[in-house]
Amino acid sequence: MAAKNEVTSEEFADFIGSVSASINKALWEYMSNERSDRNIKRLLGRGGFEYDSEAIQKSIIEPSWYLVEKGGKRIRPIITLLVIEALGKDPMDYIEFSMIPEILHTATLMHDDIEDGSETRRGAQSVYKKYGMDIALNLGDFLFFFPIKVLLDSKKLDDAVKYRILKAHEKHMIRIGLGQATDIAWHRALTDIGKITEENYMRVAFDKTGVLLGFAAELGAIIGGAEDADVERLGKFASMIGVAFQIEDDILNITKSELSDNKGGIGDDIQEGKVTLIVVHALNHAGKKDRDRLIEILKSHTKSKIEIKEAISIMEKSGSIEYARSVSKSIVDEALRLLDKSLPDSKGKNMMRMLASTLINRNV
């Protein structure tokens, strides 16, 4: 006989499918490429002077929807809605708020592509390549703040709840900036990458990959009425899942011939000079000759397959890939312990466990 709160894989898939459709509908209502004065006013409100609606259409609405309609997993809004569900409220009553972390994520992708020089995103041209650097930069800035309007305009939440959400937004947006700044400095070798510690790496991983997953969970927890301690624990749970996901992504990049989501071929991270947990461990455990050689290869941003294979060999010899796997598992185990401390047993909580497993095992 099945336990009361047990969730089958079919129930989980049905929930994800249902909320994903609702999320996409909400995104369409707020950000669609459908030109109308109603959409402009929803985006911008009423001003003392008339907006040039065609200019806003071409520089805000059209490029926003261009990236949003390309898809993505919608993991962040799903996390928000799962937390609300686990806290005993109907997630469909708060669907518009689940867009907030997704819109922020969209903005970070636009800026990341510029900073990384990435010409493609989700199988198509990146926003800056299609629409221009100026539009992409300005649009990313706009989308960092637009979710605040979605929040403040709503009548569903009282001012105390809105304030808690704004404080969480402020905290996580600052972390995004600090994490990206550090990553850029490492990428450009502005600091001695040989001195980067595992703790330094974890900080950046939390602030880049984990941060908006954490915000998504905190958003759901605040809306669901959780106490501050549980809000923090749930945010950390989701952030840790994000970090474990990133570590697994880094492992895939040097152990598979091609990534599952078409990001590129084997060793792209080495070509980019990316500092991963695997790199940090290798630099701290390889002999001096191998260590110096690995630093040299990373700094060169080489496209040579021979040099990329040499770098991978150094990491393998140092036991760094297996070490990263063990760290990823430990992070997931600790994240699930935090989840257990934060929520009573429920179908929503068990679906969060299933989502974490699905993410780490690359089934989305």
Protein backbone atom coordinates (compact mmCIF):
# COMPACT_ATOMS: atom_id res chain seq x y z
CA MET A 1 0.00 0.00 0.00
CA ALA A 2 1.44 3.39 -1.03
CA ALA A 3 2.30 5.90 1.68
CA LYS A 4 -0.06 8.87 1.96
CA ASN A 5 2.39 11.42 0.53
CA GLU A 6 4.20 9.16 -1.90
CA VAL A 7 4.51 10.63 -5.40
CA THR A 8 4.66 8.45 -8.48
CA SER A 9 6.74 9.39 -11.48
CA GLU A 10 3.49 9.90 -13.42
CA GLU A 11 2.14 12.33 -10.80
CA PHE A 12 5.42 14.22 -10.81
CA ALA A 13 5.43 14.47 -14.60
CA ASP A 14 1.79 15.61 -14.61
CA PHE A 15 2.52 18.33 -12.04
CA ILE A 16 5.58 19.59 -13.92
CA GLY A 17 3.66 19.59 -17.20
CA SER A 18 0.72 21.45 -15.69
CA VAL A 19 2.72 24.17 -13.95
CA SER A 20 5.08 24.58 -16.91
CA ALA A 21 2.09 25.31 -19.15
CA SER A 22 0.77 27.84 -16.61
CA ILE A 23 4.21 29.46 -16.27
CA ASN A 24 4.51 29.82 -20.04
CA LYS A 25 1.02 31.34 -20.20
CA ALA A 26 1.93 33.86 -17.49
CA LEU A 27 5.17 34.74 -19.28
CA TRP A 28 3.20 35.24 -22.49
CA GLU A 29 0.75 37.58 -20.76
CA TYR A 30 3.54 39.76 -19.39
CA MET A 31 6.25 39.50 -22.05
CA SER A 32 4.67 38.37 -25.30
CA ASN A 33 5.75 39.66 -28.68
CA GLU A 34 2.16 40.69 -29.37
CA ARG A 35 2.17 44.40 -30.02
CA SER A 36 -0.55 46.36 -28.24
CA ASP A 37 -0.89 49.45 -26.09
CA ARG A 38 -2.12 47.15 -23.32
CA ASN A 39 1.19 45.28 -23.29
CA ILE A 40 3.17 48.52 -23.26
CA LYS A 41 1.15 49.87 -20.35
CA ARG A 42 1.48 46.60 -18.46
CA LEU A 43 5.24 46.75 -18.89
CA LEU A 44 5.71 50.43 -18.18
CA GLY A 45 2.63 51.79 -16.46
CA ARG A 46 1.22 55.18 -17.26
CA GLY A 47 3.56 58.13 -17.53
CA GLY A 48 3.08 61.86 -17.87
CA PHE A 49 4.15 61.66 -21.50
CA GLU A 50 3.35 59.18 -24.22
CA TYR A 51 5.83 56.37 -24.90
CA ASP A 52 6.98 55.62 -28.43
CA SER A 53 5.30 52.22 -28.54
CA GLU A 54 7.14 51.08 -31.67
CA ALA A 55 10.52 51.84 -30.09
CA ILE A 56 9.59 49.89 -26.94
CA GLN A 57 8.28 47.04 -29.09
CA LYS A 58 11.55 46.78 -31.03
CA SER A 59 13.98 47.27 -28.14
CA ILE A 60 12.18 45.64 -25.17
CA ILE A 61 9.22 43.42 -26.01
CA GLU A 62 10.47 41.73 -29.19
CA PRO A 63 13.99 40.79 -27.97
CA SER A 64 12.62 39.73 -24.55
CA TRP A 65 10.19 37.29 -26.08
CA TYR A 66 12.81 36.11 -28.59
CA LEU A 67 14.79 34.49 -25.77
CA VAL A 68 11.88 33.50 -23.52
CA GLU A 69 10.03 31.64 -26.28
CA LYS A 70 13.16 29.56 -27.02
CA GLY A 71 12.22 27.56 -23.96
CA GLY A 72 14.46 26.59 -21.11
CA LYS A 73 13.57 24.18 -18.33
CA ARG A 74 11.61 26.72 -16.18
CA ILE A 75 13.27 25.10 -13.16
CA ARG A 76 13.25 28.31 -11.10
CA PRO A 77 9.51 28.99 -11.28
CA ILE A 78 8.83 25.29 -10.77
CA ILE A 79 10.85 25.42 -7.53
CA THR A 80 8.86 28.46 -6.35
CA LEU A 81 5.57 26.68 -7.00
CA LEU A 82 6.72 23.40 -5.42
CA VAL A 83 7.68 25.21 -2.21
CA ILE A 84 4.29 26.95 -2.11
CA GLU A 85 2.62 23.57 -2.65
CA ALA A 86 4.70 21.96 0.11
CA LEU A 87 3.66 24.72 2.53
CA GLY A 88 -0.01 23.95 1.98
CA LYS A 89 -1.10 26.68 -0.41
CA ASP A 90 -2.40 26.35 -3.95
CA PRO A 91 0.55 27.24 -6.22
CA MET A 92 -1.76 28.19 -9.08
CA ASP A 93 -2.98 31.16 -7.02
CA TYR A 94 0.53 32.65 -7.19
CA ILE A 95 1.62 31.72 -10.69
CA GLU A 96 2.59 35.28 -11.69
CA PHE A 97 5.16 35.49 -8.89
CA SER A 98 6.90 32.35 -10.13
CA MET A 99 7.91 34.35 -13.21
CA ILE A 100 10.13 36.62 -11.11
CA PRO A 101 13.20 34.33 -10.89
CA GLU A 102 12.70 33.25 -14.52
CA ILE A 103 12.75 36.85 -15.75
CA LEU A 104 15.87 37.52 -13.66
CA HIS A 105 17.46 34.38 -15.11
CA THR A 106 16.67 35.61 -18.62
CA ALA A 107 18.41 38.91 -17.85
CA THR A 108 21.53 37.17 -16.55
CA LEU A 109 21.71 35.04 -19.72
CA MET A 110 21.68 38.16 -21.88
CA HIS A 111 24.51 39.72 -19.92
CA ASP A 112 26.47 36.47 -19.58
CA ASP A 113 26.47 35.95 -23.34
CA ILE A 114 27.97 39.40 -23.84
CA GLU A 115 30.60 38.90 -21.14
CA ASP A 116 31.51 35.41 -22.38
CA GLY A 117 31.35 36.28 -26.08
CA SER A 118 28.80 33.50 -26.61
CA GLU A 119 27.14 33.85 -30.01
CA THR A 120 24.43 31.24 -29.49
CA ARG A 121 21.88 30.51 -26.79
CA ARG A 122 19.24 27.77 -26.78
CA GLY A 123 20.09 26.75 -30.31
CA ALA A 124 19.80 30.22 -31.84
CA GLN A 125 21.68 33.52 -31.97
CA SER A 126 22.19 35.15 -28.59
CA VAL A 127 20.23 38.36 -28.05
CA TYR A 128 23.22 40.66 -28.53
CA LYS A 129 24.16 38.97 -31.81
CA LYS A 130 20.64 39.26 -33.20
CA TYR A 131 19.60 42.67 -31.87
CA GLY A 132 22.86 44.41 -31.00
CA MET A 133 24.99 44.96 -27.92
CA ASP A 134 23.21 48.17 -26.91
CA ILE A 135 19.75 46.59 -26.92
CA ALA A 136 20.93 43.46 -25.07
CA LEU A 137 22.70 45.45 -22.34
CA ASN A 138 19.80 47.80 -21.77
CA LEU A 139 17.24 45.00 -21.92
CA GLY A 140 19.14 42.94 -19.35
CA ASP A 141 19.17 45.96 -17.02
CA PHE A 142 15.44 46.49 -17.59
CA LEU A 143 14.61 42.86 -16.80
CA PHE A 144 16.53 42.96 -13.52
CA PHE A 145 14.03 45.53 -12.26
CA PHE A 146 10.81 44.65 -14.09
CA PRO A 147 9.96 41.82 -11.63
CA ILE A 148 9.75 44.41 -8.85
CA LYS A 149 6.86 46.00 -10.73
CA VAL A 150 5.13 42.61 -11.05
CA LEU A 151 5.46 42.19 -7.28
CA LEU A 152 4.46 45.68 -6.17
CA ASP A 153 1.49 45.97 -8.54
CA SER A 154 -0.09 42.79 -7.18
CA LYS A 155 -2.96 42.93 -4.68
CA LYS A 156 -2.52 39.29 -3.62
CA LEU A 157 0.28 39.87 -1.10
CA ASP A 158 0.36 42.24 1.84
CA ASP A 159 3.11 44.82 2.26
CA ALA A 160 5.01 42.81 4.88
CA VAL A 161 5.32 39.85 2.50
CA LYS A 162 6.34 42.13 -0.37
CA TYR A 163 9.05 43.68 1.81
CA ARG A 164 10.49 40.25 2.66
CA ILE A 165 10.57 39.37 -1.04
CA LEU A 166 12.26 42.67 -1.92
CA LYS A 167 14.94 42.03 0.71
CA ALA A 168 15.56 38.58 -0.76
CA HIS A 169 15.73 40.10 -4.26
CA GLU A 170 18.29 42.67 -3.11
CA LYS A 171 20.44 40.04 -1.40
CA HIS A 172 20.53 37.69 -4.36
CA MET A 173 21.05 40.37 -7.02
CA ILE A 174 24.13 41.63 -5.15
CA ARG A 175 25.42 38.06 -4.98
CA ILE A 176 24.97 37.64 -8.74
CA GLY A 177 27.11 40.72 -9.36
CA LEU A 178 29.86 39.61 -6.98
CA GLY A 179 29.93 36.06 -8.35
CA GLN A 180 30.11 37.22 -11.95
CA ALA A 181 32.80 39.78 -11.12
CA THR A 182 34.99 37.09 -9.55
CA ASP A 183 34.41 34.70 -12.45
CA ILE A 184 35.37 37.39 -14.98
CA ALA A 185 38.55 38.15 -13.03
CA TRP A 186 39.48 34.46 -13.05
CA HIS A 187 38.66 34.11 -16.75
CA ARG A 188 40.88 37.07 -17.61
CA ALA A 189 43.65 35.87 -15.25
CA LEU A 190 43.48 39.13 -13.28
CA THR A 191 44.36 37.08 -10.21
CA ASP A 192 46.72 34.14 -9.71
CA ILE A 193 44.46 31.17 -10.47
CA GLY A 194 46.96 28.93 -8.74
CA LYS A 195 45.92 30.52 -5.44
CA ILE A 196 42.17 29.94 -5.84
CA THR A 197 40.86 27.77 -3.02
CA GLU A 198 37.98 25.32 -2.98
CA GLU A 199 36.14 27.75 -0.71
CA ASN A 200 36.61 30.51 -3.31
CA TYR A 201 35.18 28.22 -5.98
CA MET A 202 32.16 27.29 -3.84
CA ARG A 203 31.41 30.95 -3.18
CA VAL A 204 31.33 31.72 -6.90
CA ALA A 205 29.29 28.58 -7.68
CA PHE A 206 26.72 29.58 -5.08
CA ASP A 207 26.61 33.15 -6.39
CA LYS A 208 26.37 32.26 -10.09
CA THR A 209 24.65 28.91 -10.54
CA GLY A 210 22.92 28.48 -7.20
CA VAL A 211 21.75 32.01 -6.49
CA LEU A 212 18.53 32.22 -8.52
CA LEU A 213 17.51 28.69 -7.57
CA GLY A 214 17.94 29.81 -3.97
CA PHE A 215 15.92 32.96 -4.58
CA ALA A 216 13.18 30.91 -6.26
CA ALA A 217 12.89 28.69 -3.17
CA GLU A 218 12.97 31.66 -0.79
CA LEU A 219 10.28 33.39 -2.84
CA GLY A 220 8.00 30.36 -2.55
CA ALA A 221 8.76 30.01 1.15
CA ILE A 222 7.92 33.64 1.90
CA ILE A 223 4.67 33.46 -0.08
CA GLY A 224 3.88 30.18 1.69
CA GLY A 225 4.27 31.85 5.09
CA ALA A 226 7.46 30.12 6.28
CA GLU A 227 9.47 31.48 9.18
CA ASP A 228 12.79 33.19 8.41
CA ALA A 229 14.90 30.19 9.48
CA ASP A 230 13.01 27.87 7.13
CA VAL A 231 13.15 30.44 4.32
CA GLU A 232 16.93 30.49 4.68
CA ARG A 233 17.19 26.69 4.82
CA LEU A 234 15.01 26.23 1.75
CA GLY A 235 17.04 28.82 -0.13
CA LYS A 236 20.24 27.03 0.80
CA PHE A 237 18.74 23.68 -0.24
CA ALA A 238 17.97 24.95 -3.73
CA SER A 239 21.30 26.77 -4.04
CA MET A 240 23.17 23.61 -3.10
CA ILE A 241 21.29 21.62 -5.73
CA GLY A 242 22.35 24.29 -8.23
CA VAL A 243 25.99 23.97 -7.19
CA ALA A 244 25.87 20.18 -7.46
CA PHE A 245 24.32 20.58 -10.91
CA GLN A 246 27.20 22.88 -11.92
CA ILE A 247 29.81 20.42 -10.69
CA GLU A 248 28.15 17.61 -12.65
CA ASP A 249 28.07 19.91 -15.69
CA ASP A 250 31.80 20.53 -15.32
CA ILE A 251 32.46 16.80 -15.07
CA LEU A 252 30.41 16.15 -18.21
CA ASN A 253 32.38 18.80 -20.07
CA ILE A 254 35.59 16.82 -19.82
CA THR A 255 34.25 13.26 -19.81
CA LYS A 256 31.61 13.26 -22.56
CA SER A 257 32.07 13.83 -26.26
CA GLU A 258 29.15 16.23 -26.24
CA LEU A 259 26.99 17.80 -23.53
CA SER A 260 23.39 16.74 -23.17
CA ASP A 261 21.99 20.24 -23.83
CA ASN A 262 24.16 21.03 -26.85
CA LYS A 263 26.38 23.55 -25.09
CA GLY A 264 29.44 22.30 -26.91
CA GLY A 265 32.07 19.61 -27.20
CA ILE A 266 34.50 18.04 -24.81
CA GLY A 267 36.91 20.40 -23.11
CA ASP A 268 35.14 23.68 -23.91
CA ASP A 269 35.68 24.75 -20.30
CA ILE A 270 39.44 24.30 -20.72
CA GLN A 271 39.42 26.37 -23.88
CA GLU A 272 37.57 29.12 -21.98
CA GLY A 273 40.06 28.93 -19.11
CA LYS A 274 37.19 28.19 -16.76
CA VAL A 275 38.02 27.62 -13.10
CA THR A 276 36.02 24.60 -11.96
CA LEU A 277 36.17 22.50 -8.80
CA ILE A 278 38.09 19.92 -10.85
CA VAL A 279 40.68 22.55 -11.83
CA VAL A 280 41.01 23.87 -8.27
CA HIS A 281 41.54 20.36 -6.89
CA ALA A 282 44.09 19.52 -9.59
CA LEU A 283 46.06 22.72 -8.96
CA ASN A 284 46.22 21.85 -5.27
CA HIS A 285 47.17 18.19 -5.73
CA ALA A 286 49.21 17.90 -8.93
CA GLY A 287 53.00 17.96 -8.89
CA LYS A 288 54.67 21.29 -9.65
CA LYS A 289 55.39 20.45 -13.29
CA ASP A 290 51.81 19.35 -13.99
CA ARG A 291 50.42 22.25 -11.99
CA ASP A 292 52.41 24.83 -13.94
CA ARG A 293 51.48 23.18 -17.23
CA LEU A 294 47.77 23.15 -16.37
CA ILE A 295 47.88 26.87 -15.51
CA GLU A 296 49.69 27.56 -18.79
CA ILE A 297 47.05 25.70 -20.82
CA LEU A 298 44.15 27.40 -19.05
CA LYS A 299 45.62 30.87 -19.52
CA SER A 300 46.23 30.26 -23.23
CA HIS A 301 42.54 29.58 -24.03
CA THR A 302 43.84 26.93 -26.40
CA LYS A 303 41.82 25.31 -29.16
CA SER A 304 44.39 22.53 -29.56
CA LYS A 305 42.81 19.12 -28.95
CA ILE A 306 46.21 17.79 -27.92
CA GLU A 307 46.60 20.44 -25.20
CA ILE A 308 43.01 20.01 -24.04
CA LYS A 309 43.57 16.27 -23.69
CA GLU A 310 46.81 17.00 -21.82
CA ALA A 311 44.94 19.19 -19.33
CA ILE A 312 42.27 16.51 -18.85
CA SER A 313 45.01 13.93 -18.27
CA ILE A 314 46.51 16.07 -15.49
CA MET A 315 43.09 16.33 -13.83
CA GLU A 316 42.54 12.58 -14.10
CA LYS A 317 46.00 11.82 -12.72
CA SER A 318 45.31 14.11 -9.75
CA GLY A 319 42.07 12.28 -8.93
CA SER A 320 40.19 15.52 -9.43
CA ILE A 321 37.26 14.19 -11.45
CA GLU A 322 36.41 11.53 -8.88
CA TYR A 323 36.88 14.07 -6.12
CA ALA A 324 34.37 16.40 -7.80
CA ARG A 325 31.87 13.55 -8.04
CA SER A 326 32.20 12.86 -4.33
CA VAL A 327 31.75 16.55 -3.47
CA SER A 328 28.64 16.75 -5.66
CA LYS A 329 27.12 13.76 -3.85
CA SER A 330 27.94 15.25 -0.44
CA ILE A 331 26.33 18.55 -1.42
CA VAL A 332 23.13 16.81 -2.54
CA ASP A 333 22.99 14.75 0.66
CA GLU A 334 23.35 17.89 2.79
CA ALA A 335 20.78 19.74 0.69
CA LEU A 336 18.22 16.99 1.24
CA ARG A 337 18.88 17.07 4.99
CA LEU A 338 18.11 20.81 4.94
CA LEU A 339 14.90 20.10 3.05
CA ASP A 340 13.85 17.56 5.66
CA LYS A 341 14.45 20.10 8.44
CA SER A 342 12.44 22.79 6.68
CA LEU A 343 9.23 21.06 5.62
CA PRO A 344 6.81 18.49 7.00
CA ASP A 345 6.22 15.39 4.93
CA SER A 346 3.97 16.19 1.97
CA LYS A 347 3.58 15.46 -1.71
CA GLY A 348 5.08 18.87 -2.48
CA LYS A 349 8.18 18.09 -0.45
CA ASN A 350 8.59 14.69 -2.09
CA MET A 351 8.26 16.28 -5.52
CA MET A 352 11.07 18.66 -4.55
CA ARG A 353 13.23 15.64 -3.76
CA MET A 354 12.32 14.16 -7.14
CA LEU A 355 13.15 17.42 -8.90
CA ALA A 356 16.57 17.53 -7.22
CA SER A 357 17.29 13.96 -8.33
CA THR A 358 16.07 14.70 -11.85
CA LEU A 359 18.33 17.74 -12.15
CA ILE A 360 21.46 16.02 -10.89
CA ASN A 361 20.88 12.96 -13.06
CA ARG A 362 20.38 15.16 -16.14
CA ASN A 363 16.89 13.97 -16.97
CA VAL A 364 15.51 17.43 -17.78
